[in-house]
Amino acid sequence: MSLRLNYHQQSPAGMKAFGGVRAYIGECGLETELVDLVYLRVSLINGCAYCIDSHTRDLIKGGMAIAKIALVPVWYEGGKLFSERERAALRWAETVTRVAETKVPDEEFAAAAKQFNEKELADLTMAIGLMNALNRIAISFRSTPIAVKQAEG
């Protein structure tokens, strides 16, 4: 896989704007580990190798156990490995990411609202939207995952 277009060079102001949203999410009060789990799950759904690699590295760096990271694609089978709040965030991430299919039903909103206050839910949804946008950019322009670059030397 080779980079089709260096979007950071071609649209630095656009990428800076995305960076501003990411910085806001990092400071909004949501737990960093929770946000990183959501970023990973969204990236897994979208099949973004670059982002899967990046968010997996972030979670490992943050101290998350490999066993938990490995079960993110099937979090609903992870039992108590995932907290109720994490489970709600991952469920919300899935329904919002698949909006064309799910239409984000009222019962999904109600389930998320049991774990997150209104500001948190707004911020979580912004994080999900941000990652969906970044996945689409990275996939479209074939961003190479760090692991692939390292393997190719």
C-alpha atoms as a PDB file:
ATOM      1  CA  MET A   1       0.000   0.000   0.000  1.00  0.00           C
ATOM      2  CA  SER A   2       1.403   3.373  -0.902  1.00  0.00           C
ATOM      3  CA  LEU A   3       0.169   6.829  -0.033  1.00  0.00           C
ATOM      4  CA  ARG A   4      -1.955   8.259  -2.851  1.00  0.00           C
ATOM      5  CA  LEU A   5      -1.832  11.844  -1.656  1.00  0.00           C
ATOM      6  CA  ASN A   6      -0.245  13.556   1.325  1.00  0.00           C
ATOM      7  CA  TYR A   7      -3.332  15.258   2.698  1.00  0.00           C
ATOM      8  CA  HIS A   8      -1.388  16.875   5.538  1.00  0.00           C
ATOM      9  CA  GLN A   9       0.719  18.753   2.978  1.00  0.00           C
ATOM     10  CA  GLN A  10      -2.120  19.491   0.573  1.00  0.00           C
ATOM     11  CA  SER A  11      -4.617  20.708   3.169  1.00  0.00           C
ATOM     12  CA  PRO A  12      -2.760  21.777   6.307  1.00  0.00           C
ATOM     13  CA  ALA A  13      -5.537  24.130   7.411  1.00  0.00           C
ATOM     14  CA  GLY A  14      -8.118  21.386   7.034  1.00  0.00           C
ATOM     15  CA  MET A  15      -6.043  18.924   9.035  1.00  0.00           C
ATOM     16  CA  LYS A  16      -5.405  21.624  11.641  1.00  0.00           C
ATOM     17  CA  ALA A  17      -9.184  22.033  11.975  1.00  0.00           C
ATOM     18  CA  PHE A  18      -9.586  18.296  12.550  1.00  0.00           C
ATOM     19  CA  GLY A  19      -6.747  18.542  15.071  1.00  0.00           C
ATOM     20  CA  GLY A  20      -8.663  21.257  16.907  1.00  0.00           C
ATOM     21  CA  VAL A  21     -11.677  18.976  17.269  1.00  0.00           C
ATOM     22  CA  ARG A  22      -9.421  16.158  18.448  1.00  0.00           C
ATOM     23  CA  ALA A  23      -7.812  18.487  20.999  1.00  0.00           C
ATOM     24  CA  TYR A  24     -11.262  19.491  22.247  1.00  0.00           C
ATOM     25  CA  ILE A  25     -12.254  15.836  22.657  1.00  0.00           C
ATOM     26  CA  GLY A  26      -9.038  15.267  24.604  1.00  0.00           C
ATOM     27  CA  GLU A  27      -9.973  18.032  27.035  1.00  0.00           C
ATOM     28  CA  CYS A  28     -13.768  17.650  27.203  1.00  0.00           C
ATOM     29  CA  GLY A  29     -13.812  15.467  30.294  1.00  0.00           C
ATOM     30  CA  LEU A  30     -14.407  12.051  28.737  1.00  0.00           C
ATOM     31  CA  GLU A  31     -11.918   9.444  29.900  1.00  0.00           C
ATOM     32  CA  THR A  32      -8.967   9.131  27.498  1.00  0.00           C
ATOM     33  CA  GLU A  33      -9.113   5.338  27.566  1.00  0.00           C
ATOM     34  CA  LEU A  34     -12.830   5.374  26.759  1.00  0.00           C
ATOM     35  CA  VAL A  35     -12.307   7.717  23.811  1.00  0.00           C
ATOM     36  CA  ASP A  36      -9.425   5.593  22.526  1.00  0.00           C
ATOM     37  CA  LEU A  37     -11.587   2.456  22.770  1.00  0.00           C
ATOM     38  CA  VAL A  38     -14.294   4.214  20.765  1.00  0.00           C
ATOM     39  CA  TYR A  39     -11.761   5.430  18.195  1.00  0.00           C
ATOM     40  CA  LEU A  40     -10.497   1.862  17.826  1.00  0.00           C
ATOM     41  CA  ARG A  41     -14.002   0.396  17.467  1.00  0.00           C
ATOM     42  CA  VAL A  42     -15.021   2.971  14.844  1.00  0.00           C
ATOM     43  CA  SER A  43     -11.805   2.318  12.931  1.00  0.00           C
ATOM     44  CA  LEU A  44     -12.392  -1.441  13.075  1.00  0.00           C
ATOM     45  CA  ILE A  45     -15.913  -1.015  11.672  1.00  0.00           C
ATOM     46  CA  ASN A  46     -14.602   1.181   8.866  1.00  0.00           C
ATOM     47  CA  GLY A  47     -11.598  -1.037   8.134  1.00  0.00           C
ATOM     48  CA  CYS A  48      -9.020   1.734   8.532  1.00  0.00           C
ATOM     49  CA  ALA A  49      -5.691  -0.053   8.990  1.00  0.00           C
ATOM     50  CA  TYR A  50      -3.806   3.178   9.690  1.00  0.00           C
ATOM     51  CA  CYS A  51      -6.167   4.181  12.505  1.00  0.00           C
ATOM     52  CA  ILE A  52      -6.499   0.651  13.914  1.00  0.00           C
ATOM     53  CA  ASP A  53      -2.720   0.545  14.241  1.00  0.00           C
ATOM     54  CA  SER A  54      -2.574   4.034  15.766  1.00  0.00           C
ATOM     55  CA  HIS A  55      -5.349   3.541  18.335  1.00  0.00           C
ATOM     56  CA  THR A  56      -4.103   0.110  19.331  1.00  0.00           C
ATOM     57  CA  ARG A  57      -0.713   1.689  20.025  1.00  0.00           C
ATOM     58  CA  ASP A  58      -2.385   4.469  22.046  1.00  0.00           C
ATOM     59  CA  LEU A  59      -4.279   1.950  24.184  1.00  0.00           C
ATOM     60  CA  ILE A  60      -1.155  -0.137  24.809  1.00  0.00           C
ATOM     61  CA  LYS A  61       0.809   3.006  25.667  1.00  0.00           C
ATOM     62  CA  GLY A  62      -1.970   3.957  28.093  1.00  0.00           C
ATOM     63  CA  GLY A  63      -1.598   0.613  29.852  1.00  0.00           C
ATOM     64  CA  MET A  64      -4.594  -1.318  28.552  1.00  0.00           C
ATOM     65  CA  ALA A  65      -4.181  -5.080  28.582  1.00  0.00           C
ATOM     66  CA  ILE A  66      -3.697  -6.731  25.191  1.00  0.00           C
ATOM     67  CA  ALA A  67      -6.478  -9.213  26.064  1.00  0.00           C
ATOM     68  CA  LYS A  68      -8.986  -6.359  26.335  1.00  0.00           C
ATOM     69  CA  ILE A  69      -7.801  -4.688  23.130  1.00  0.00           C
ATOM     70  CA  ALA A  70      -8.081  -8.002  21.291  1.00  0.00           C
ATOM     71  CA  LEU A  71     -11.747  -8.276  22.294  1.00  0.00           C
ATOM     72  CA  VAL A  72     -12.798  -4.798  21.154  1.00  0.00           C
ATOM     73  CA  PRO A  73     -14.312  -6.192  17.911  1.00  0.00           C
ATOM     74  CA  VAL A  74     -16.514  -8.482  20.031  1.00  0.00           C
ATOM     75  CA  TRP A  75     -16.861  -6.295  23.135  1.00  0.00           C
ATOM     76  CA  TYR A  76     -20.415  -7.575  23.695  1.00  0.00           C
ATOM     77  CA  GLU A  77     -18.886 -10.982  24.535  1.00  0.00           C
ATOM     78  CA  GLY A  78     -16.293  -9.454  26.852  1.00  0.00           C
ATOM     79  CA  GLY A  79     -18.362  -9.706  30.031  1.00  0.00           C
ATOM     80  CA  LYS A  80     -16.992  -7.669  32.911  1.00  0.00           C
ATOM     81  CA  LEU A  81     -13.800  -6.955  30.979  1.00  0.00           C
ATOM     82  CA  PHE A  82     -15.642  -3.884  29.703  1.00  0.00           C
ATOM     83  CA  SER A  83     -17.383  -1.570  32.159  1.00  0.00           C
ATOM     84  CA  GLU A  84     -21.031  -0.625  31.648  1.00  0.00           C
ATOM     85  CA  ARG A  85     -19.897   2.827  30.546  1.00  0.00           C
ATOM     86  CA  GLU A  86     -17.461   1.356  28.015  1.00  0.00           C
ATOM     87  CA  ARG A  87     -20.127  -1.025  26.733  1.00  0.00           C
ATOM     88  CA  ALA A  88     -22.571   1.859  26.295  1.00  0.00           C
ATOM     89  CA  ALA A  89     -19.932   3.930  24.477  1.00  0.00           C
ATOM     90  CA  LEU A  90     -19.016   1.058  22.159  1.00  0.00           C
ATOM     91  CA  ARG A  91     -22.673   0.328  21.426  1.00  0.00           C
ATOM     92  CA  TRP A  92     -23.305   4.016  20.693  1.00  0.00           C
ATOM     93  CA  ALA A  93     -20.202   4.139  18.481  1.00  0.00           C
ATOM     94  CA  GLU A  94     -21.501   1.227  16.449  1.00  0.00           C
ATOM     95  CA  THR A  95     -24.989   2.614  15.891  1.00  0.00           C
ATOM     96  CA  VAL A  96     -23.734   6.113  15.048  1.00  0.00           C
ATOM     97  CA  THR A  97     -21.007   4.813  12.724  1.00  0.00           C
ATOM     98  CA  ARG A  98     -23.567   2.657  10.909  1.00  0.00           C
ATOM     99  CA  VAL A  99     -26.112   5.489  10.767  1.00  0.00           C
ATOM    100  CA  ALA A 100     -27.155   4.694   7.180  1.00  0.00           C
ATOM    101  CA  GLU A 101     -28.258   1.249   8.352  1.00  0.00           C
ATOM    102  CA  THR A 102     -29.403   1.918  11.922  1.00  0.00           C
ATOM    103  CA  LYS A 103     -30.921   5.418  11.713  1.00  0.00           C
ATOM    104  CA  VAL A 104     -29.787   5.646  15.376  1.00  0.00           C
ATOM    105  CA  PRO A 105     -33.000   4.398  17.011  1.00  0.00           C
ATOM    106  CA  ASP A 106     -34.524   5.876  20.152  1.00  0.00           C
ATOM    107  CA  GLU A 107     -33.665   2.787  22.222  1.00  0.00           C
ATOM    108  CA  GLU A 108     -29.976   3.202  21.364  1.00  0.00           C
ATOM    109  CA  PHE A 109     -30.110   6.843  22.430  1.00  0.00           C
ATOM    110  CA  ALA A 110     -31.871   5.889  25.671  1.00  0.00           C
ATOM    111  CA  ALA A 111     -29.262   3.225  26.429  1.00  0.00           C
ATOM    112  CA  ALA A 112     -26.400   5.690  25.896  1.00  0.00           C
ATOM    113  CA  ALA A 113     -28.169   8.386  27.922  1.00  0.00           C
ATOM    114  CA  LYS A 114     -28.247   6.053  30.936  1.00  0.00           C
ATOM    115  CA  GLN A 115     -24.443   6.145  31.095  1.00  0.00           C
ATOM    116  CA  PHE A 116     -23.626   9.621  29.787  1.00  0.00           C
ATOM    117  CA  ASN A 117     -25.004  13.034  30.651  1.00  0.00           C
ATOM    118  CA  GLU A 118     -26.059  15.285  27.773  1.00  0.00           C
ATOM    119  CA  LYS A 119     -22.689  17.046  27.407  1.00  0.00           C
ATOM    120  CA  GLU A 120     -20.810  13.750  27.544  1.00  0.00           C
ATOM    121  CA  LEU A 121     -23.110  12.221  24.953  1.00  0.00           C
ATOM    122  CA  ALA A 122     -22.677  15.216  22.652  1.00  0.00           C
ATOM    123  CA  ASP A 123     -18.890  15.050  23.065  1.00  0.00           C
ATOM    124  CA  LEU A 124     -18.838  11.274  22.561  1.00  0.00           C
ATOM    125  CA  THR A 125     -20.857  11.658  19.372  1.00  0.00           C
ATOM    126  CA  MET A 126     -18.445  14.344  18.155  1.00  0.00           C
ATOM    127  CA  ALA A 127     -15.553  11.949  18.819  1.00  0.00           C
ATOM    128  CA  ILE A 128     -17.321   9.235  16.824  1.00  0.00           C
ATOM    129  CA  GLY A 129     -17.992  11.660  13.969  1.00  0.00           C
ATOM    130  CA  LEU A 130     -14.407  12.866  13.997  1.00  0.00           C
ATOM    131  CA  MET A 131     -13.021   9.349  13.785  1.00  0.00           C
ATOM    132  CA  ASN A 132     -15.403   8.423  10.993  1.00  0.00           C
ATOM    133  CA  ALA A 133     -14.179  11.455   9.023  1.00  0.00           C
ATOM    134  CA  LEU A 134     -10.505  10.711   9.694  1.00  0.00           C
ATOM    135  CA  ASN A 135     -11.001   7.049   8.746  1.00  0.00           C
ATOM    136  CA  ARG A 136     -12.436   8.102   5.418  1.00  0.00           C
ATOM    137  CA  ILE A 137      -9.514  10.421   4.732  1.00  0.00           C
ATOM    138  CA  ALA A 138      -6.884   7.829   5.716  1.00  0.00           C
ATOM    139  CA  ILE A 139      -8.566   5.072   3.690  1.00  0.00           C
ATOM    140  CA  SER A 140      -9.130   7.284   0.637  1.00  0.00           C
ATOM    141  CA  PHE A 141      -5.501   8.344   0.448  1.00  0.00           C
ATOM    142  CA  ARG A 142      -4.039   5.000   1.634  1.00  0.00           C
ATOM    143  CA  SER A 143      -2.230   6.134   4.780  1.00  0.00           C
ATOM    144  CA  THR A 144       0.311   3.466   5.659  1.00  0.00           C
ATOM    145  CA  PRO A 145       0.141   2.053   9.188  1.00  0.00           C
ATOM    146  CA  ILE A 146       3.287   2.428  11.290  1.00  0.00           C
ATOM    147  CA  ALA A 147       3.455  -1.377  11.675  1.00  0.00           C
ATOM    148  CA  VAL A 148       3.609  -1.788   7.888  1.00  0.00           C
ATOM    149  CA  LYS A 149       6.304   0.877   7.568  1.00  0.00           C
ATOM    150  CA  GLN A 150       8.348  -0.858  10.279  1.00  0.00           C
ATOM    151  CA  ALA A 151       7.944  -4.266   8.653  1.00  0.00           C
ATOM    152  CA  GLU A 152       9.053  -2.911   5.285  1.00  0.00           C
ATOM    153  CA  GLY A 153      12.080  -1.296   6.904  1.00  0.00           C
END
